[in-house]
C-alpha atoms as a PDB file:
ATOM      1  CA  MET A   1     -16.104  31.794   4.834  1.00  0.00           C
ATOM      2  CA  THR A   2     -13.798  29.088   3.498  1.00  0.00           C
ATOM      3  CA  LYS A   3     -15.382  25.903   2.215  1.00  0.00           C
ATOM      4  CA  ARG A   4     -13.593  22.735   3.165  1.00  0.00           C
ATOM      5  CA  LYS A   5     -13.161  19.940   0.680  1.00  0.00           C
ATOM      6  CA  LYS A   6     -15.344  17.020   1.678  1.00  0.00           C
ATOM      7  CA  ASP A   7     -13.314  14.019   2.800  1.00  0.00           C
ATOM      8  CA  SER A   8     -13.821  11.248   0.265  1.00  0.00           C
ATOM      9  CA  GLY A   9     -12.688   8.657   2.789  1.00  0.00           C
ATOM     10  CA  HIS A  10      -9.732   7.609   0.646  1.00  0.00           C
ATOM     11  CA  PRO A  11      -6.407   9.435   0.478  1.00  0.00           C
ATOM     12  CA  GLY A  12      -5.358   8.254  -2.964  1.00  0.00           C
ATOM     13  CA  PRO A  13      -2.088   6.409  -3.592  1.00  0.00           C
ATOM     14  CA  CYS A  14       0.814   6.265  -1.157  1.00  0.00           C
ATOM     15  CA  PRO A  15       3.032   9.314  -1.745  1.00  0.00           C
ATOM     16  CA  ALA A  16       6.161   7.175  -1.207  1.00  0.00           C
ATOM     17  CA  CYS A  17       5.543   4.156  -3.453  1.00  0.00           C
ATOM     18  CA  GLY A  18       2.219   4.622  -5.263  1.00  0.00           C
ATOM     19  CA  GLU A  19       0.387   1.696  -3.632  1.00  0.00           C
ATOM     20  CA  ILE A  20      -3.339   2.297  -4.121  1.00  0.00           C
ATOM     21  CA  HIS A  21      -4.749   0.297  -1.177  1.00  0.00           C
ATOM     22  CA  PRO A  22      -3.647   1.961   2.078  1.00  0.00           C
ATOM     23  CA  ALA A  23      -4.970   1.081   5.515  1.00  0.00           C
ATOM     24  CA  ARG A  24      -6.709   3.596   7.780  1.00  0.00           C
ATOM     25  CA  ILE A  25      -4.821   3.902  11.072  1.00  0.00           C
ATOM     26  CA  GLN A  26      -7.017   3.207  14.100  1.00  0.00           C
ATOM     27  CA  TYR A  27      -6.096   4.819  17.419  1.00  0.00           C
ATOM     28  CA  GLY A  28      -7.387   4.181  20.924  1.00  0.00           C
ATOM     29  CA  TYR A  29      -8.093   1.210  23.122  1.00  0.00           C
ATOM     30  CA  LEU A  30      -9.718  -1.340  20.862  1.00  0.00           C
ATOM     31  CA  ILE A  31     -11.859  -4.284  21.782  1.00  0.00           C
ATOM     32  CA  TRP A  32     -10.415  -7.303  20.027  1.00  0.00           C
ATOM     33  CA  SER A  33     -12.956  -9.043  17.835  1.00  0.00           C
ATOM     34  CA  ASP A  34     -13.121 -11.284  14.803  1.00  0.00           C
ATOM     35  CA  ASP A  35     -14.152  -8.263  12.689  1.00  0.00           C
ATOM     36  CA  LEU A  36     -11.108  -6.284  13.856  1.00  0.00           C
ATOM     37  CA  LYS A  37      -8.775  -9.212  13.167  1.00  0.00           C
ATOM     38  CA  GLU A  38     -10.246  -9.684   9.680  1.00  0.00           C
ATOM     39  CA  ALA A  39      -9.878  -5.962   8.852  1.00  0.00           C
ATOM     40  CA  LEU A  40      -6.239  -6.092   9.982  1.00  0.00           C
ATOM     41  CA  ASP A  41      -5.633  -9.290   7.977  1.00  0.00           C
ATOM     42  CA  ARG A  42      -7.181  -7.709   4.857  1.00  0.00           C
ATOM     43  CA  GLY A  43      -4.988  -4.621   5.258  1.00  0.00           C
ATOM     44  CA  GLU A  44      -7.947  -2.275   5.734  1.00  0.00           C
ATOM     45  CA  LEU A  45      -6.806  -1.134   9.199  1.00  0.00           C
ATOM     46  CA  ALA A  46      -3.469  -0.590  10.912  1.00  0.00           C
ATOM     47  CA  LEU A  47      -3.025  -0.089  14.631  1.00  0.00           C
ATOM     48  CA  GLY A  48      -1.769   3.327  15.671  1.00  0.00           C
ATOM     49  CA  GLY A  49      -1.510   3.089  19.438  1.00  0.00           C
ATOM     50  CA  CYS A  50      -3.599   4.038  22.421  1.00  0.00           C
ATOM     51  CA  THR A  51      -3.399   7.808  22.121  1.00  0.00           C
ATOM     52  CA  LEU A  52      -3.828  10.229  19.236  1.00  0.00           C
ATOM     53  CA  GLY A  53      -1.417  13.154  19.040  1.00  0.00           C
ATOM     54  CA  LEU A  54      -1.613  16.284  16.930  1.00  0.00           C
ATOM     55  CA  ASP A  55       0.832  15.044  14.294  1.00  0.00           C
ATOM     56  CA  ASP A  56      -0.223  11.408  14.080  1.00  0.00           C
ATOM     57  CA  PRO A  57      -0.912  10.113  10.558  1.00  0.00           C
ATOM     58  CA  SER A  58      -4.212   8.667   9.426  1.00  0.00           C
ATOM     59  CA  TRP A  59      -3.029   6.316   6.632  1.00  0.00           C
ATOM     60  CA  HIS A  60      -0.555   3.414   6.469  1.00  0.00           C
ATOM     61  CA  CYS A  61       0.870   1.921   3.272  1.00  0.00           C
ATOM     62  CA  ASN A  62       0.657  -1.864   3.305  1.00  0.00           C
ATOM     63  CA  GLN A  63       3.408  -2.070   0.658  1.00  0.00           C
ATOM     64  CA  CYS A  64       6.225   0.134   2.011  1.00  0.00           C
ATOM     65  CA  GLY A  65       5.067   1.025   5.548  1.00  0.00           C
ATOM     66  CA  HIS A  66       4.955   4.787   4.914  1.00  0.00           C
ATOM     67  CA  ARG A  67       2.452   6.672   7.109  1.00  0.00           C
ATOM     68  CA  TRP A  68       0.897   9.968   6.025  1.00  0.00           C
ATOM     69  CA  GLY A  69      -2.025  12.341   6.318  1.00  0.00           C
ATOM     70  CA  LEU A  70      -2.947  14.079   9.514  1.00  0.00           C
ATOM     71  CA  SER A  71      -5.674  12.610  11.650  1.00  0.00           C
ATOM     72  CA  HIS A  72      -9.109  14.272  11.594  1.00  0.00           C
ATOM     73  CA  ARG A  73      -8.463  15.620  15.069  1.00  0.00           C
ATOM     74  CA  SER A  74      -5.348  17.507  13.965  1.00  0.00           C
ATOM     75  CA  SER A  75      -6.674  18.631  10.586  1.00  0.00           C
ATOM     76  CA  SER A  76      -8.960  21.149  12.257  1.00  0.00           C
ATOM     77  CA  THR A  77      -6.267  22.473  14.581  1.00  0.00           C
ATOM     78  CA  GLU A  78      -4.116  25.352  13.397  1.00  0.00           C
ATOM     79  CA  ARG A  79      -0.608  25.488  14.775  1.00  0.00           C
ATOM     80  CA  GLU A  80       1.888  28.317  14.552  1.00  0.00           C
END
């Protein structure tokens, strides 16, 4: 049995520019609220679209715009 590394909830710095405060990409139909707007304004969240595909990233760099890391849905899916 292979043990999986526990997700710390933070990916570390952006692999493209080194920025240390990336935003988690949120997918799906979202209900607009003051909390959502504030999280977007603070750079804690980025919008990813209505649907989540197998190769969609989970992190967005607020500095350079680079997107990386596979979503949780795709991280458990093995592809050939």
